[in-house]
């Protein structure tokens, strides 16, 4: 609580700022531009996507893996501030049942920003007529407490380029 000029006390909300880094080399695009309504209509949450030029996918933040999909196409990371981030590689890639993906990660493991999550065989995905777009979504960020600032970088560098800045009001 802070006092204003008239001596009245007012509530001040704390804000958590978190930066999500590009998960791979490529072009950062708005989540609304993803060619899948689950992502573009923000059914899972807000975020960003990358049109990749590198087959290595990195963690956009540090945290604990709360999900590693059996098909190795999706990874859920929860940060120490409780923000849940989903990294989804390709579109409709769950149907590949792990073919074209390599990862040794398991649920419960800790990852640091920039750690490899998976390696993807883009040629195989293209042969299977899958889009390569990688979506990164804040899945527990669908409230007015969250604000997002996208960096539409045409030449993002994996683990170095900030793709999205997230602001979360804590209400304290």
N, C-alpha and C. Protein backbone atom coordinates (compact mmCIF):
# COMPACT_ATOMS: atom_id res chain seq x y z
N UNK A 1 0.84 -1.18 0.00
CA UNK A 1 0.00 0.00 0.00
C UNK A 1 0.89 1.24 0.00
N UNK A 2 0.55 2.17 -0.86
CA UNK A 2 1.25 3.44 -0.92
C UNK A 2 0.27 4.56 -0.62
N UNK A 3 0.76 5.65 -0.13
CA UNK A 3 -0.09 6.82 0.11
C UNK A 3 0.02 7.75 -1.08
N UNK A 4 -1.14 8.28 -1.51
CA UNK A 4 -1.10 9.26 -2.58
C UNK A 4 -0.96 10.65 -1.99
N UNK A 5 -1.04 11.69 -2.82
CA UNK A 5 -0.80 13.06 -2.36
C UNK A 5 -1.74 13.48 -1.24
N UNK A 6 -2.97 12.97 -1.23
CA UNK A 6 -3.92 13.38 -0.18
C UNK A 6 -3.79 12.52 1.07
N UNK A 7 -2.82 11.62 1.07
CA UNK A 7 -2.60 10.78 2.24
C UNK A 7 -3.42 9.50 2.24
N UNK A 8 -4.25 9.29 1.20
CA UNK A 8 -5.05 8.07 1.13
C UNK A 8 -4.16 6.93 0.67
N UNK A 9 -4.47 5.75 1.18
CA UNK A 9 -3.69 4.57 0.78
C UNK A 9 -4.33 3.94 -0.45
N UNK A 10 -3.49 3.49 -1.37
CA UNK A 10 -4.01 2.85 -2.58
C UNK A 10 -3.26 1.54 -2.81
N UNK A 11 -3.94 0.59 -3.43
CA UNK A 11 -3.31 -0.70 -3.72
C UNK A 11 -2.37 -0.55 -4.90
N UNK A 12 -1.24 -1.19 -4.82
CA UNK A 12 -0.28 -1.22 -5.92
C UNK A 12 -0.13 -2.68 -6.33
N UNK A 13 -0.28 -2.94 -7.62
CA UNK A 13 -0.15 -4.30 -8.09
C UNK A 13 1.28 -4.54 -8.55
N UNK A 14 1.85 -5.65 -8.08
CA UNK A 14 3.16 -6.04 -8.56
C UNK A 14 3.00 -6.70 -9.92
N UNK A 15 4.02 -6.55 -10.76
CA UNK A 15 3.98 -7.13 -12.09
C UNK A 15 5.21 -8.01 -12.27
N UNK A 16 4.97 -9.23 -12.71
CA UNK A 16 6.04 -10.14 -13.08
C UNK A 16 6.31 -9.93 -14.56
N UNK A 17 7.57 -9.72 -14.91
CA UNK A 17 7.96 -9.60 -16.32
C UNK A 17 8.76 -10.84 -16.68
N UNK A 18 8.37 -11.49 -17.76
CA UNK A 18 9.07 -12.69 -18.21
C UNK A 18 9.31 -12.59 -19.71
N UNK A 19 10.51 -12.92 -20.13
CA UNK A 19 10.86 -12.91 -21.54
C UNK A 19 10.95 -14.33 -22.06
N UNK A 20 10.28 -14.58 -23.17
CA UNK A 20 10.37 -15.86 -23.85
C UNK A 20 11.24 -15.67 -25.07
N UNK A 21 12.21 -16.54 -25.22
CA UNK A 21 13.18 -16.44 -26.31
C UNK A 21 12.76 -17.34 -27.47
N UNK A 22 13.24 -17.00 -28.65
CA UNK A 22 12.93 -17.80 -29.83
C UNK A 22 13.42 -19.23 -29.60
N UNK A 23 12.57 -20.19 -29.95
CA UNK A 23 12.89 -21.60 -29.73
C UNK A 23 13.75 -22.20 -30.83
N UNK A 24 13.91 -21.45 -31.91
CA UNK A 24 14.72 -21.91 -33.02
C UNK A 24 15.07 -20.72 -33.90
N UNK A 25 16.01 -20.91 -34.80
CA UNK A 25 16.29 -19.88 -35.80
C UNK A 25 15.09 -19.80 -36.73
N UNK A 26 14.76 -18.59 -37.17
CA UNK A 26 13.65 -18.46 -38.10
C UNK A 26 12.96 -17.12 -37.96
N UNK A 27 11.75 -17.05 -38.46
CA UNK A 27 10.96 -15.82 -38.44
C UNK A 27 9.87 -15.93 -37.38
N UNK A 28 9.84 -14.96 -36.46
CA UNK A 28 8.80 -14.91 -35.44
C UNK A 28 7.53 -14.34 -36.09
N UNK A 29 6.41 -15.01 -35.82
CA UNK A 29 5.12 -14.54 -36.33
C UNK A 29 4.12 -14.46 -35.18
N UNK A 30 3.08 -13.71 -35.40
CA UNK A 30 2.01 -13.60 -34.42
C UNK A 30 1.27 -14.94 -34.31
N UNK A 31 0.82 -15.27 -33.13
CA UNK A 31 0.06 -16.51 -32.94
C UNK A 31 -1.19 -16.51 -33.82
N UNK A 32 -1.75 -15.33 -34.09
CA UNK A 32 -2.94 -15.22 -34.93
C UNK A 32 -2.66 -15.63 -36.38
N UNK A 33 -1.38 -15.66 -36.79
CA UNK A 33 -1.01 -16.01 -38.16
C UNK A 33 -0.72 -17.50 -38.35
N UNK A 34 -0.84 -18.29 -37.28
CA UNK A 34 -0.60 -19.74 -37.38
C UNK A 34 -1.77 -20.36 -38.15
N UNK A 35 -1.46 -21.26 -39.08
CA UNK A 35 -2.48 -21.87 -39.95
C UNK A 35 -3.20 -23.04 -39.27
N UNK A 36 -3.60 -22.81 -38.02
CA UNK A 36 -4.37 -23.79 -37.26
C UNK A 36 -5.22 -23.01 -36.27
N UNK A 37 -6.55 -23.15 -36.33
CA UNK A 37 -7.42 -22.35 -35.47
C UNK A 37 -7.21 -22.58 -33.97
N UNK A 38 -6.72 -23.74 -33.58
CA UNK A 38 -6.46 -23.98 -32.16
C UNK A 38 -5.47 -22.94 -31.63
N UNK A 39 -4.49 -22.59 -32.45
CA UNK A 39 -3.50 -21.59 -32.06
C UNK A 39 -3.93 -20.18 -32.45
N UNK A 40 -4.34 -19.99 -33.71
CA UNK A 40 -4.64 -18.65 -34.21
C UNK A 40 -5.81 -18.00 -33.49
N UNK A 41 -6.76 -18.80 -33.02
CA UNK A 41 -7.89 -18.26 -32.28
C UNK A 41 -7.65 -18.28 -30.76
N UNK A 42 -6.41 -18.60 -30.38
CA UNK A 42 -5.96 -18.58 -28.99
C UNK A 42 -6.79 -19.48 -28.08
N UNK A 43 -7.22 -20.63 -28.61
CA UNK A 43 -7.99 -21.59 -27.82
C UNK A 43 -7.17 -22.14 -26.66
N UNK A 44 -5.86 -22.23 -26.85
CA UNK A 44 -4.98 -22.75 -25.80
C UNK A 44 -4.32 -21.63 -25.02
N UNK A 45 -4.36 -20.40 -25.56
CA UNK A 45 -3.73 -19.27 -24.91
C UNK A 45 -3.03 -18.39 -25.91
N UNK A 46 -2.43 -17.32 -25.40
CA UNK A 46 -1.72 -16.36 -26.25
C UNK A 46 -0.25 -16.75 -26.33
N UNK A 47 0.45 -16.20 -27.30
CA UNK A 47 1.86 -16.51 -27.43
C UNK A 47 2.43 -16.01 -28.74
N UNK A 48 3.30 -16.83 -29.33
CA UNK A 48 3.93 -16.48 -30.60
C UNK A 48 4.23 -17.78 -31.33
N UNK A 49 4.70 -17.64 -32.56
CA UNK A 49 5.11 -18.81 -33.33
C UNK A 49 6.37 -18.46 -34.11
N UNK A 50 7.05 -19.50 -34.57
CA UNK A 50 8.27 -19.33 -35.36
C UNK A 50 8.15 -20.21 -36.61
N UNK A 51 8.45 -19.59 -37.75
CA UNK A 51 8.62 -20.36 -38.99
C UNK A 51 10.10 -20.73 -39.00
N UNK A 52 10.42 -22.00 -38.68
CA UNK A 52 11.81 -22.38 -38.40
C UNK A 52 12.70 -22.55 -39.62
N UNK A 53 13.99 -22.26 -39.39
CA UNK A 53 15.03 -22.54 -40.38
C UNK A 53 16.08 -23.48 -39.80
N UNK A 54 15.90 -23.88 -38.55
CA UNK A 54 16.81 -24.81 -37.88
C UNK A 54 16.00 -25.96 -37.31
N UNK A 55 16.57 -27.14 -37.32
CA UNK A 55 15.85 -28.33 -36.86
C UNK A 55 15.99 -28.58 -35.36
N UNK A 56 16.72 -27.73 -34.65
CA UNK A 56 16.87 -27.88 -33.20
C UNK A 56 15.92 -26.91 -32.52
N UNK A 57 15.12 -27.44 -31.58
CA UNK A 57 14.15 -26.64 -30.85
C UNK A 57 14.62 -26.50 -29.41
N UNK A 58 14.70 -25.25 -28.93
CA UNK A 58 15.22 -24.95 -27.60
C UNK A 58 14.10 -24.51 -26.65
N UNK A 59 14.37 -24.60 -25.36
CA UNK A 59 13.44 -24.11 -24.34
C UNK A 59 13.41 -22.59 -24.39
N UNK A 60 12.22 -21.97 -24.43
CA UNK A 60 12.13 -20.51 -24.47
C UNK A 60 12.32 -19.86 -23.10
N UNK A 61 12.19 -20.66 -22.04
CA UNK A 61 12.32 -20.21 -20.65
C UNK A 61 12.92 -21.34 -19.82
N UNK A 62 13.32 -21.00 -18.61
CA UNK A 62 13.76 -22.02 -17.65
C UNK A 62 12.58 -22.48 -16.83
N UNK A 63 12.59 -23.75 -16.46
CA UNK A 63 11.53 -24.28 -15.62
C UNK A 63 11.55 -25.79 -15.56
N UNK A 64 10.43 -26.34 -15.07
CA UNK A 64 10.29 -27.79 -14.94
C UNK A 64 9.33 -28.29 -16.02
N UNK A 65 9.69 -29.40 -16.66
CA UNK A 65 8.82 -30.00 -17.66
C UNK A 65 7.63 -30.66 -16.96
N UNK A 66 6.43 -30.15 -17.21
CA UNK A 66 5.25 -30.80 -16.65
C UNK A 66 4.57 -31.68 -17.70
N UNK A 67 5.04 -31.58 -18.95
CA UNK A 67 4.52 -32.43 -20.01
C UNK A 67 5.59 -32.67 -21.05
N UNK A 68 5.76 -33.92 -21.43
CA UNK A 68 6.52 -34.30 -22.62
C UNK A 68 5.61 -35.26 -23.36
N UNK A 69 5.07 -34.83 -24.48
CA UNK A 69 4.12 -35.65 -25.23
C UNK A 69 4.79 -36.93 -25.70
N UNK A 70 4.02 -38.02 -25.68
CA UNK A 70 4.53 -39.30 -26.17
C UNK A 70 5.03 -39.18 -27.62
N UNK A 71 4.38 -38.32 -28.39
CA UNK A 71 4.76 -38.14 -29.79
C UNK A 71 5.95 -37.18 -29.95
N UNK A 72 6.49 -36.69 -28.83
CA UNK A 72 7.67 -35.81 -28.79
C UNK A 72 7.49 -34.50 -29.55
N UNK A 73 6.25 -34.12 -29.83
CA UNK A 73 5.96 -32.90 -30.59
C UNK A 73 5.57 -31.72 -29.70
N UNK A 74 5.38 -31.97 -28.39
CA UNK A 74 4.92 -30.90 -27.50
C UNK A 74 5.57 -31.03 -26.13
N UNK A 75 5.94 -29.85 -25.56
CA UNK A 75 6.64 -29.80 -24.28
C UNK A 75 6.02 -28.70 -23.43
N UNK A 76 5.63 -29.04 -22.22
CA UNK A 76 5.08 -28.06 -21.30
C UNK A 76 6.10 -27.73 -20.23
N UNK A 77 6.35 -26.43 -20.02
CA UNK A 77 7.33 -25.97 -19.04
C UNK A 77 6.62 -25.02 -18.09
N UNK A 78 6.78 -25.24 -16.77
CA UNK A 78 6.24 -24.30 -15.79
C UNK A 78 7.43 -23.58 -15.15
N UNK A 79 7.35 -22.24 -15.15
CA UNK A 79 8.44 -21.43 -14.60
C UNK A 79 8.32 -21.37 -13.08
N UNK A 80 9.35 -20.84 -12.44
CA UNK A 80 9.32 -20.70 -10.98
C UNK A 80 8.28 -19.69 -10.52
N UNK A 81 7.74 -18.88 -11.44
CA UNK A 81 6.67 -17.92 -11.13
C UNK A 81 5.29 -18.51 -11.44
N UNK A 82 5.24 -19.79 -11.85
CA UNK A 82 3.97 -20.46 -12.11
C UNK A 82 3.38 -20.23 -13.49
N UNK A 83 4.16 -19.66 -14.39
CA UNK A 83 3.66 -19.44 -15.75
C UNK A 83 3.93 -20.70 -16.57
N UNK A 84 2.86 -21.21 -17.21
CA UNK A 84 2.93 -22.46 -17.96
C UNK A 84 3.05 -22.18 -19.45
N UNK A 85 4.12 -22.71 -20.04
CA UNK A 85 4.45 -22.46 -21.44
C UNK A 85 4.42 -23.78 -22.20
N UNK A 86 3.69 -23.80 -23.30
CA UNK A 86 3.63 -24.97 -24.17
C UNK A 86 4.42 -24.68 -25.44
N UNK A 87 5.33 -25.58 -25.80
CA UNK A 87 6.06 -25.50 -27.07
C UNK A 87 5.51 -26.64 -27.93
N UNK A 88 4.86 -26.29 -29.03
CA UNK A 88 4.22 -27.27 -29.92
C UNK A 88 4.92 -27.22 -31.27
N UNK A 89 5.56 -28.32 -31.66
CA UNK A 89 6.37 -28.37 -32.87
C UNK A 89 5.54 -28.88 -34.04
N UNK A 90 5.40 -28.04 -35.06
CA UNK A 90 4.65 -28.42 -36.25
C UNK A 90 3.15 -28.37 -36.02
N UNK A 91 2.41 -28.55 -37.10
CA UNK A 91 0.95 -28.57 -37.03
C UNK A 91 0.46 -29.97 -37.38
N UNK A 92 -0.44 -30.48 -36.55
CA UNK A 92 -1.00 -31.83 -36.71
C UNK A 92 0.08 -32.90 -36.69
N UNK A 93 1.11 -32.67 -35.90
CA UNK A 93 2.24 -33.61 -35.85
C UNK A 93 2.05 -34.73 -34.83
N UNK A 94 1.03 -34.64 -33.99
CA UNK A 94 0.76 -35.72 -33.04
C UNK A 94 0.49 -37.03 -33.78
N UNK A 95 -0.05 -36.92 -35.01
CA UNK A 95 -0.37 -38.11 -35.80
C UNK A 95 0.88 -38.87 -36.24
N UNK A 96 2.04 -38.25 -36.15
CA UNK A 96 3.28 -38.92 -36.56
C UNK A 96 3.80 -39.87 -35.48
N UNK A 97 3.24 -39.80 -34.29
CA UNK A 97 3.57 -40.71 -33.18
C UNK A 97 5.06 -40.75 -32.86
N UNK A 98 5.70 -39.58 -32.94
CA UNK A 98 7.11 -39.48 -32.58
C UNK A 98 8.08 -39.64 -33.74
N UNK A 99 7.59 -40.11 -34.88
CA UNK A 99 8.46 -40.24 -36.05
C UNK A 99 8.90 -38.84 -36.49
N UNK A 100 10.18 -38.66 -36.72
CA UNK A 100 10.70 -37.38 -37.14
C UNK A 100 11.17 -36.49 -35.99
N UNK A 101 10.99 -36.96 -34.75
CA UNK A 101 11.38 -36.19 -33.56
C UNK A 101 12.37 -37.00 -32.73
N UNK A 102 13.38 -36.31 -32.18
CA UNK A 102 14.33 -36.94 -31.28
C UNK A 102 14.43 -36.10 -30.01
N UNK A 103 14.24 -36.74 -28.86
CA UNK A 103 14.38 -36.06 -27.57
C UNK A 103 14.61 -37.10 -26.50
N UNK A 104 15.42 -36.75 -25.50
CA UNK A 104 15.65 -37.65 -24.36
C UNK A 104 15.02 -37.09 -23.09
N UNK A 105 14.24 -36.02 -23.21
CA UNK A 105 13.66 -35.38 -22.03
C UNK A 105 12.47 -36.17 -21.47
N UNK A 106 12.29 -36.04 -20.16
CA UNK A 106 11.18 -36.71 -19.47
C UNK A 106 10.46 -35.69 -18.60
N UNK A 107 9.20 -35.95 -18.37
CA UNK A 107 8.41 -35.11 -17.48
C UNK A 107 9.09 -35.02 -16.12
N UNK A 108 9.10 -33.83 -15.53
CA UNK A 108 9.70 -33.60 -14.22
C UNK A 108 11.12 -33.07 -14.27
N UNK A 109 11.76 -33.17 -15.43
CA UNK A 109 13.14 -32.67 -15.57
C UNK A 109 13.16 -31.15 -15.57
N UNK A 110 14.27 -30.58 -15.10
CA UNK A 110 14.47 -29.13 -15.17
C UNK A 110 15.17 -28.79 -16.47
N UNK A 111 14.73 -27.70 -17.10
CA UNK A 111 15.39 -27.20 -18.30
C UNK A 111 15.71 -25.74 -18.08
N UNK A 112 16.79 -25.30 -18.70
CA UNK A 112 17.16 -23.89 -18.67
C UNK A 112 16.87 -23.29 -20.04
N UNK A 113 16.60 -21.98 -20.04
CA UNK A 113 16.39 -21.28 -21.30
C UNK A 113 17.55 -21.61 -22.23
N UNK A 114 17.22 -22.05 -23.44
CA UNK A 114 18.25 -22.38 -24.42
C UNK A 114 18.64 -23.84 -24.45
N UNK A 115 18.19 -24.64 -23.47
CA UNK A 115 18.46 -26.08 -23.52
C UNK A 115 17.69 -26.71 -24.68
N UNK A 116 18.28 -27.69 -25.37
CA UNK A 116 17.55 -28.36 -26.45
C UNK A 116 16.36 -29.16 -25.90
N UNK A 117 15.21 -28.99 -26.55
CA UNK A 117 14.04 -29.81 -26.23
C UNK A 117 13.95 -30.99 -27.19
N UNK A 118 14.18 -30.72 -28.48
CA UNK A 118 14.04 -31.77 -29.49
C UNK A 118 14.81 -31.39 -30.75
N UNK A 119 15.09 -32.42 -31.53
CA UNK A 119 15.61 -32.24 -32.88
C UNK A 119 14.54 -32.79 -33.81
N UNK A 120 14.27 -32.06 -34.88
CA UNK A 120 13.17 -32.40 -35.77
C UNK A 120 13.71 -32.65 -37.18
N UNK A 121 13.23 -33.72 -37.80
CA UNK A 121 13.58 -34.02 -39.19
C UNK A 121 12.56 -33.32 -40.08
N UNK A 122 12.89 -32.09 -40.49
CA UNK A 122 11.95 -31.30 -41.28
C UNK A 122 11.62 -31.96 -42.61
N UNK A 123 12.60 -32.62 -43.22
CA UNK A 123 12.33 -33.30 -44.49
C UNK A 123 11.23 -34.35 -44.31
N UNK A 124 11.30 -35.10 -43.20
CA UNK A 124 10.27 -36.11 -42.93
C UNK A 124 8.91 -35.45 -42.72
N UNK A 125 8.87 -34.36 -41.94
CA UNK A 125 7.59 -33.67 -41.72
C UNK A 125 7.01 -33.16 -43.03
N UNK A 126 7.86 -32.61 -43.89
CA UNK A 126 7.39 -32.11 -45.18
C UNK A 126 6.87 -33.27 -46.04
N UNK A 127 7.59 -34.41 -46.02
CA UNK A 127 7.12 -35.60 -46.75
C UNK A 127 5.74 -36.04 -46.28
N UNK A 128 5.49 -35.85 -44.98
CA UNK A 128 4.21 -36.24 -44.39
C UNK A 128 3.16 -35.13 -44.51
N UNK A 129 3.51 -34.08 -45.26
CA UNK A 129 2.63 -32.94 -45.53
C UNK A 129 2.21 -32.21 -44.25
N UNK A 130 3.17 -32.05 -43.32
CA UNK A 130 2.94 -31.31 -42.09
C UNK A 130 3.59 -29.94 -42.19
N UNK A 131 2.94 -28.96 -41.64
CA UNK A 131 3.51 -27.60 -41.58
C UNK A 131 4.53 -27.58 -40.44
N UNK A 132 5.61 -26.81 -40.61
CA UNK A 132 6.72 -26.80 -39.66
C UNK A 132 6.55 -25.78 -38.53
N UNK A 133 5.56 -24.92 -38.61
CA UNK A 133 5.38 -23.84 -37.64
C UNK A 133 5.45 -24.35 -36.21
N UNK A 134 6.26 -23.67 -35.39
CA UNK A 134 6.40 -24.01 -33.97
C UNK A 134 5.67 -22.94 -33.16
N UNK A 135 4.67 -23.37 -32.40
CA UNK A 135 3.87 -22.44 -31.59
C UNK A 135 4.33 -22.50 -30.14
N UNK A 136 4.40 -21.32 -29.51
CA UNK A 136 4.78 -21.21 -28.10
C UNK A 136 3.65 -20.43 -27.42
N UNK A 137 2.97 -21.08 -26.48
CA UNK A 137 1.74 -20.54 -25.91
C UNK A 137 1.80 -20.52 -24.39
N UNK A 138 1.34 -19.42 -23.80
CA UNK A 138 1.15 -19.34 -22.35
C UNK A 138 -0.23 -19.95 -22.08
N UNK A 139 -0.26 -21.18 -21.59
CA UNK A 139 -1.55 -21.87 -21.49
C UNK A 139 -2.35 -21.51 -20.25
N UNK A 140 -1.74 -20.85 -19.28
CA UNK A 140 -2.51 -20.40 -18.11
C UNK A 140 -2.56 -18.87 -18.07
N UNK A 141 -2.44 -18.24 -19.24
CA UNK A 141 -2.39 -16.78 -19.31
C UNK A 141 -3.60 -16.14 -19.95
N UNK A 142 -4.75 -16.78 -19.83
CA UNK A 142 -5.96 -16.26 -20.47
C UNK A 142 -6.78 -15.43 -19.49
N UNK A 143 -6.20 -14.37 -19.01
CA UNK A 143 -6.95 -13.48 -18.12
C UNK A 143 -6.45 -12.06 -18.33
N UNK A 144 -7.18 -11.12 -17.75
CA UNK A 144 -6.79 -9.72 -17.89
C UNK A 144 -5.52 -9.40 -17.11
N UNK A 145 -5.05 -10.34 -16.29
CA UNK A 145 -3.82 -10.13 -15.53
C UNK A 145 -2.58 -10.21 -16.43
N UNK A 146 -2.75 -10.73 -17.63
CA UNK A 146 -1.62 -10.91 -18.54
C UNK A 146 -1.64 -9.89 -19.67
N UNK A 147 -0.44 -9.41 -20.03
CA UNK A 147 -0.26 -8.52 -21.18
C UNK A 147 0.94 -9.05 -21.96
N UNK A 148 0.86 -8.98 -23.29
CA UNK A 148 1.90 -9.55 -24.14
C UNK A 148 2.44 -8.51 -25.11
N UNK A 149 3.78 -8.56 -25.33
CA UNK A 149 4.42 -7.72 -26.34
C UNK A 149 5.25 -8.62 -27.25
N UNK A 150 4.82 -8.70 -28.51
CA UNK A 150 5.46 -9.56 -29.50
C UNK A 150 6.57 -8.82 -30.22
N UNK A 151 7.69 -9.51 -30.45
CA UNK A 151 8.78 -9.01 -31.27
C UNK A 151 8.74 -9.79 -32.58
N UNK A 152 8.24 -9.16 -33.64
CA UNK A 152 8.18 -9.84 -34.94
C UNK A 152 9.53 -9.70 -35.62
N UNK A 153 10.44 -10.57 -35.28
CA UNK A 153 11.81 -10.52 -35.80
C UNK A 153 11.90 -11.41 -37.03
N UNK A 154 12.33 -10.86 -38.14
CA UNK A 154 12.39 -11.63 -39.38
C UNK A 154 13.56 -12.60 -39.40
N UNK A 155 14.54 -12.39 -38.54
CA UNK A 155 15.70 -13.28 -38.51
C UNK A 155 16.06 -13.58 -37.05
N UNK A 156 15.17 -14.28 -36.36
CA UNK A 156 15.38 -14.61 -34.96
C UNK A 156 16.46 -15.67 -34.81
N UNK A 157 17.24 -15.55 -33.73
CA UNK A 157 18.28 -16.52 -33.42
C UNK A 157 17.84 -17.30 -32.19
N UNK A 158 17.87 -18.62 -32.31
CA UNK A 158 17.43 -19.51 -31.24
C UNK A 158 18.15 -19.19 -29.94
N UNK A 159 17.37 -19.03 -28.87
CA UNK A 159 17.93 -18.81 -27.55
C UNK A 159 18.52 -17.44 -27.30
N UNK A 160 18.55 -16.57 -28.33
CA UNK A 160 19.13 -15.24 -28.18
C UNK A 160 18.12 -14.11 -28.40
N UNK A 161 17.22 -14.30 -29.34
CA UNK A 161 16.24 -13.26 -29.68
C UNK A 161 15.03 -13.37 -28.76
N UNK A 162 14.68 -12.27 -28.10
CA UNK A 162 13.46 -12.25 -27.29
C UNK A 162 12.28 -12.20 -28.25
N UNK A 163 11.40 -13.21 -28.17
CA UNK A 163 10.26 -13.30 -29.07
C UNK A 163 9.02 -12.66 -28.46
N UNK A 164 8.85 -12.82 -27.15
CA UNK A 164 7.64 -12.35 -26.49
C UNK A 164 7.98 -11.93 -25.07
N UNK A 165 7.48 -10.77 -24.68
CA UNK A 165 7.60 -10.34 -23.30
C UNK A 165 6.22 -10.45 -22.67
N UNK A 166 6.17 -11.11 -21.52
CA UNK A 166 4.91 -11.34 -20.82
C UNK A 166 4.92 -10.54 -19.52
N UNK A 167 3.84 -9.84 -19.28
CA UNK A 167 3.66 -9.11 -18.03
C UNK A 167 2.46 -9.71 -17.32
N UNK A 168 2.64 -10.09 -16.07
CA UNK A 168 1.54 -10.68 -15.29
C UNK A 168 1.38 -9.89 -14.01
N UNK A 169 0.18 -9.35 -13.81
CA UNK A 169 -0.13 -8.67 -12.55
C UNK A 169 -0.33 -9.72 -11.46
N UNK A 170 0.29 -9.50 -10.32
CA UNK A 170 0.17 -10.47 -9.24
C UNK A 170 -0.94 -10.12 -8.26
N UNK A 171 -1.40 -8.88 -8.29
CA UNK A 171 -2.50 -8.48 -7.42
C UNK A 171 -2.14 -8.26 -5.99
N UNK A 172 -0.85 -8.15 -5.70
CA UNK A 172 -0.42 -7.96 -4.30
C UNK A 172 -0.64 -6.54 -3.88
